[in-house]
């Protein structure tokens, strides 16, 4: 998915309308390791904050997503 977005010239850091969360923040929150890695490989921002001022790392840690936390810290 991240490859397709980048190939089409789309920004992988575009937030959703409701929560202002990016695909990386959602993937981190939901524990999708493979999607998180793909988005990081496409240089998705780990610093971007949503409307609650939380980053992908905040979400991964809050939800107990250990593998995602490690990916984000590497």
N, C-alpha and C. Protein backbone atom coordinates (compact mmCIF):
# COMPACT_ATOMS: atom_id res chain seq x y z
N UNK A 1 0.81 -1.18 0.00
CA UNK A 1 0.00 0.00 0.00
C UNK A 1 0.86 1.26 0.00
N UNK A 2 1.87 1.29 0.87
CA UNK A 2 2.75 2.45 0.93
C UNK A 2 3.47 2.65 -0.40
N UNK A 3 3.85 1.55 -1.05
CA UNK A 3 4.50 1.63 -2.36
C UNK A 3 3.58 2.29 -3.38
N UNK A 4 2.33 1.87 -3.39
CA UNK A 4 1.36 2.42 -4.34
C UNK A 4 1.18 3.91 -4.11
N UNK A 5 1.07 4.31 -2.86
CA UNK A 5 0.91 5.74 -2.56
C UNK A 5 2.09 6.55 -3.06
N UNK A 6 3.30 6.07 -2.78
CA UNK A 6 4.49 6.79 -3.21
C UNK A 6 4.62 6.80 -4.73
N UNK A 7 4.29 5.68 -5.39
CA UNK A 7 4.36 5.62 -6.85
C UNK A 7 3.41 6.63 -7.49
N UNK A 8 2.28 6.84 -6.87
CA UNK A 8 1.29 7.79 -7.39
C UNK A 8 1.62 9.22 -6.97
N UNK A 9 2.70 9.39 -6.22
CA UNK A 9 3.11 10.71 -5.78
C UNK A 9 2.29 11.24 -4.61
N UNK A 10 1.62 10.35 -3.91
CA UNK A 10 0.80 10.77 -2.78
C UNK A 10 1.61 10.76 -1.48
N UNK A 11 1.26 11.65 -0.61
CA UNK A 11 1.94 11.81 0.67
C UNK A 11 1.43 10.77 1.67
N UNK A 12 2.33 9.94 2.20
CA UNK A 12 1.91 8.91 3.17
C UNK A 12 1.59 9.52 4.54
N UNK A 13 1.85 10.81 4.70
CA UNK A 13 1.60 11.48 5.98
C UNK A 13 0.30 12.29 6.01
N UNK A 14 -0.55 12.11 5.02
CA UNK A 14 -1.82 12.84 5.03
C UNK A 14 -2.70 12.27 6.15
N UNK A 15 -3.18 13.13 7.04
CA UNK A 15 -4.01 12.65 8.15
C UNK A 15 -5.47 12.46 7.75
N UNK A 16 -6.18 11.67 8.54
CA UNK A 16 -7.62 11.55 8.32
C UNK A 16 -8.32 12.81 8.84
N UNK A 17 -9.55 12.96 8.49
CA UNK A 17 -10.28 14.19 8.84
C UNK A 17 -10.73 14.23 10.30
N UNK A 18 -11.11 13.10 10.83
CA UNK A 18 -11.69 13.09 12.18
C UNK A 18 -10.66 13.24 13.29
N UNK A 19 -9.65 12.39 13.26
CA UNK A 19 -8.68 12.35 14.36
C UNK A 19 -7.34 12.97 14.00
N UNK A 20 -7.20 13.37 12.74
CA UNK A 20 -5.94 13.92 12.24
C UNK A 20 -4.79 12.93 12.41
N UNK A 21 -5.11 11.62 12.28
CA UNK A 21 -4.10 10.58 12.38
C UNK A 21 -3.66 10.14 10.99
N UNK A 22 -2.37 9.84 10.90
CA UNK A 22 -1.81 9.35 9.65
C UNK A 22 -1.93 7.83 9.59
N UNK A 23 -1.62 7.28 8.44
CA UNK A 23 -1.63 5.82 8.29
C UNK A 23 -0.65 5.18 9.27
N UNK A 24 0.50 5.82 9.49
CA UNK A 24 1.48 5.28 10.44
C UNK A 24 0.91 5.25 11.86
N UNK A 25 0.23 6.30 12.25
CA UNK A 25 -0.36 6.33 13.59
C UNK A 25 -1.42 5.25 13.75
N UNK A 26 -2.24 5.04 12.74
CA UNK A 26 -3.25 3.99 12.81
C UNK A 26 -2.60 2.61 12.83
N UNK A 27 -1.60 2.40 11.99
CA UNK A 27 -0.92 1.09 11.95
C UNK A 27 -0.26 0.80 13.30
N UNK A 28 0.37 1.81 13.88
CA UNK A 28 1.02 1.65 15.18
C UNK A 28 0.00 1.35 16.27
N UNK A 29 -1.08 2.09 16.27
CA UNK A 29 -2.12 1.91 17.28
C UNK A 29 -2.74 0.52 17.22
N UNK A 30 -2.95 0.03 15.99
CA UNK A 30 -3.61 -1.26 15.80
C UNK A 30 -2.64 -2.44 15.79
N UNK A 31 -1.34 -2.15 15.85
CA UNK A 31 -0.35 -3.23 15.93
C UNK A 31 -0.04 -3.92 14.62
N UNK A 32 -0.20 -3.22 13.51
CA UNK A 32 0.09 -3.79 12.19
C UNK A 32 1.59 -3.61 11.89
N UNK A 33 2.38 -4.59 12.32
CA UNK A 33 3.84 -4.50 12.17
C UNK A 33 4.27 -4.32 10.72
N UNK A 34 3.69 -5.12 9.82
CA UNK A 34 4.10 -5.09 8.42
C UNK A 34 3.77 -3.75 7.77
N UNK A 35 2.62 -3.20 8.07
CA UNK A 35 2.25 -1.90 7.50
C UNK A 35 3.11 -0.80 8.10
N UNK A 36 3.36 -0.88 9.40
CA UNK A 36 4.24 0.10 10.05
C UNK A 36 5.60 0.10 9.38
N UNK A 37 6.18 -1.07 9.17
CA UNK A 37 7.49 -1.16 8.53
C UNK A 37 7.46 -0.59 7.12
N UNK A 38 6.44 -0.93 6.34
CA UNK A 38 6.32 -0.42 4.97
C UNK A 38 6.23 1.10 4.95
N UNK A 39 5.46 1.67 5.86
CA UNK A 39 5.34 3.12 5.92
C UNK A 39 6.64 3.78 6.36
N UNK A 40 7.33 3.17 7.30
CA UNK A 40 8.64 3.70 7.71
C UNK A 40 9.64 3.63 6.57
N UNK A 41 9.59 2.55 5.80
CA UNK A 41 10.48 2.41 4.64
C UNK A 41 10.22 3.51 3.61
N UNK A 42 8.99 4.02 3.58
CA UNK A 42 8.62 5.10 2.66
C UNK A 42 8.75 6.47 3.33
N UNK A 43 9.43 6.48 4.46
CA UNK A 43 9.76 7.71 5.18
C UNK A 43 8.55 8.45 5.77
N UNK A 44 7.59 7.68 6.25
CA UNK A 44 6.47 8.30 6.98
C UNK A 44 7.03 8.97 8.23
N UNK A 45 6.47 10.09 8.59
CA UNK A 45 6.96 10.85 9.74
C UNK A 45 6.58 10.19 11.06
N UNK A 46 7.59 9.99 11.90
CA UNK A 46 7.33 9.44 13.23
C UNK A 46 7.06 10.57 14.23
N UNK A 47 7.28 11.82 13.82
CA UNK A 47 7.12 12.96 14.71
C UNK A 47 5.74 13.61 14.64
N UNK A 48 4.99 13.28 13.62
CA UNK A 48 3.68 13.91 13.42
C UNK A 48 2.73 13.57 14.57
N UNK A 49 1.99 14.58 15.03
CA UNK A 49 1.04 14.39 16.13
C UNK A 49 -0.39 14.50 15.61
N UNK A 50 -1.28 13.74 16.23
CA UNK A 50 -2.70 13.81 15.87
C UNK A 50 -3.39 14.89 16.70
N UNK A 51 -4.71 14.96 16.63
CA UNK A 51 -5.42 16.02 17.36
C UNK A 51 -5.30 15.88 18.87
N UNK A 52 -4.93 14.69 19.34
CA UNK A 52 -4.71 14.47 20.77
C UNK A 52 -3.25 14.68 21.16
N UNK A 53 -2.46 15.19 20.20
CA UNK A 53 -1.03 15.44 20.43
C UNK A 53 -0.22 14.16 20.63
N UNK A 54 -0.69 13.04 20.05
CA UNK A 54 0.02 11.77 20.18
C UNK A 54 0.68 11.39 18.86
N UNK A 55 1.89 10.85 18.97
CA UNK A 55 2.62 10.34 17.81
C UNK A 55 2.34 8.84 17.66
N UNK A 56 2.87 8.27 16.60
CA UNK A 56 2.75 6.82 16.39
C UNK A 56 3.36 6.07 17.57
N UNK A 57 4.49 6.55 18.08
CA UNK A 57 5.13 5.90 19.22
C UNK A 57 4.23 5.95 20.46
N UNK A 58 3.61 7.08 20.70
CA UNK A 58 2.67 7.18 21.83
C UNK A 58 1.59 6.11 21.70
N UNK A 59 1.00 5.99 20.51
CA UNK A 59 -0.08 5.03 20.31
C UNK A 59 0.40 3.60 20.49
N UNK A 60 1.54 3.28 19.90
CA UNK A 60 2.06 1.91 20.01
C UNK A 60 2.33 1.55 21.47
N UNK A 61 2.93 2.46 22.22
CA UNK A 61 3.23 2.20 23.63
C UNK A 61 1.95 2.10 24.46
N UNK A 62 1.02 3.00 24.23
CA UNK A 62 -0.25 3.00 24.97
C UNK A 62 -1.02 1.70 24.76
N UNK A 63 -0.98 1.19 23.53
CA UNK A 63 -1.73 -0.02 23.19
C UNK A 63 -0.94 -1.31 23.43
N UNK A 64 0.30 -1.18 23.92
CA UNK A 64 1.11 -2.36 24.22
C UNK A 64 1.64 -3.09 23.00
N UNK A 65 1.89 -2.36 21.93
CA UNK A 65 2.37 -2.96 20.67
C UNK A 65 3.90 -2.98 20.66
N UNK A 66 4.48 -3.93 21.36
CA UNK A 66 5.93 -3.98 21.58
C UNK A 66 6.73 -4.03 20.28
N UNK A 67 6.30 -4.85 19.34
CA UNK A 67 7.04 -4.97 18.08
C UNK A 67 7.03 -3.64 17.33
N UNK A 68 5.89 -2.98 17.32
CA UNK A 68 5.79 -1.68 16.64
C UNK A 68 6.66 -0.65 17.35
N UNK A 69 6.66 -0.65 18.67
CA UNK A 69 7.51 0.28 19.42
C UNK A 69 8.96 0.09 19.00
N UNK A 70 9.41 -1.15 18.92
CA UNK A 70 10.80 -1.43 18.50
C UNK A 70 11.06 -0.92 17.10
N UNK A 71 10.12 -1.12 16.18
CA UNK A 71 10.28 -0.63 14.81
C UNK A 71 10.42 0.89 14.80
N UNK A 72 9.61 1.56 15.58
CA UNK A 72 9.64 3.02 15.61
C UNK A 72 10.90 3.57 16.25
N UNK A 73 11.48 2.83 17.17
CA UNK A 73 12.69 3.30 17.85
C UNK A 73 13.97 2.98 17.09
N UNK A 74 13.90 2.05 16.15
CA UNK A 74 15.11 1.67 15.39
C UNK A 74 15.55 2.72 14.40
